[in-house]
Protein backbone atom coordinates (compact mmCIF):
# COMPACT_ATOMS: atom_id res chain seq x y z
CA MET A 1 121.19 -55.10 -138.83
CA LYS A 2 120.49 -58.28 -136.84
CA TRP A 3 119.61 -60.26 -139.97
CA GLU A 4 122.81 -59.13 -141.68
CA ILE A 5 124.90 -60.61 -138.88
CA ILE A 6 123.01 -63.88 -139.08
CA ARG A 7 123.28 -63.93 -142.87
CA ASN A 8 127.02 -63.23 -142.81
CA TYR A 9 127.90 -65.67 -140.03
CA TRP A 10 125.28 -68.40 -140.45
CA ALA A 11 127.90 -71.13 -140.94
CA ILE A 12 129.74 -70.25 -137.72
CA ILE A 13 126.46 -69.95 -135.80
CA TRP A 14 125.33 -73.34 -137.14
CA ALA A 15 128.66 -74.96 -136.24
CA LEU A 16 128.50 -73.60 -132.69
CA LEU A 17 124.91 -74.80 -132.30
CA MET A 18 125.77 -78.29 -133.55
CA SER A 19 128.86 -78.42 -131.32
CA GLY A 20 126.71 -77.54 -128.31
CA ILE A 21 124.21 -80.25 -129.19
CA ASN A 22 127.01 -82.81 -129.60
CA ILE A 23 128.44 -81.92 -126.18
CA ILE A 24 125.01 -82.37 -124.60
CA GLN A 25 124.62 -85.76 -126.29
CA LEU A 26 128.07 -86.81 -125.09
CA LEU A 27 127.23 -85.90 -121.49
CA LEU A 28 123.92 -87.75 -121.68
CA ALA A 29 125.61 -90.83 -123.13
CA LYS A 30 128.15 -90.88 -120.29
CA THR A 31 125.34 -90.62 -117.73
CA TYR A 32 123.46 -93.48 -119.39
CA ALA A 33 126.59 -95.66 -119.46
CA ARG A 34 127.15 -95.04 -115.76
CA ARG A 35 123.56 -96.04 -115.04
CA GLU A 36 124.06 -99.34 -116.88
CA GLU A 37 127.22 -100.02 -114.88
CA LEU A 38 125.44 -99.23 -111.63
CA GLU A 39 122.62 -101.62 -112.51
CA ARG A 40 125.18 -104.34 -113.29
CA VAL A 41 126.97 -103.80 -109.97
CA SER A 42 123.66 -103.82 -108.12
CA SER A 43 122.71 -107.10 -109.78
CA ARG A 44 126.03 -108.69 -108.82
CA LEU A 45 125.68 -107.43 -105.27
CA ASN A 46 122.22 -109.00 -105.00
CA ILE A 47 123.61 -112.34 -106.23
CA LEU A 48 126.44 -112.13 -103.69
CA GLU A 49 124.03 -111.30 -100.85
CA GLN A 50 121.85 -114.27 -101.76
CA ALA A 51 124.89 -116.56 -101.83
CA VAL A 52 126.00 -115.38 -98.40
CA GLU A 53 122.51 -115.73 -96.89
CA GLY A 54 121.65 -119.08 -98.42
């Protein structure tokens, strides 16, 4: 019985699985982009602090 369901709906199951994986990749990409922005802001802040001190 279980195998019949998988055999009949394998395309839908595969599409849902791939959609879930794509959503996870999208969320990870956004997190990585934010990290890059934060590093850039931190670098600029360090330059500004050095300019104010020196």
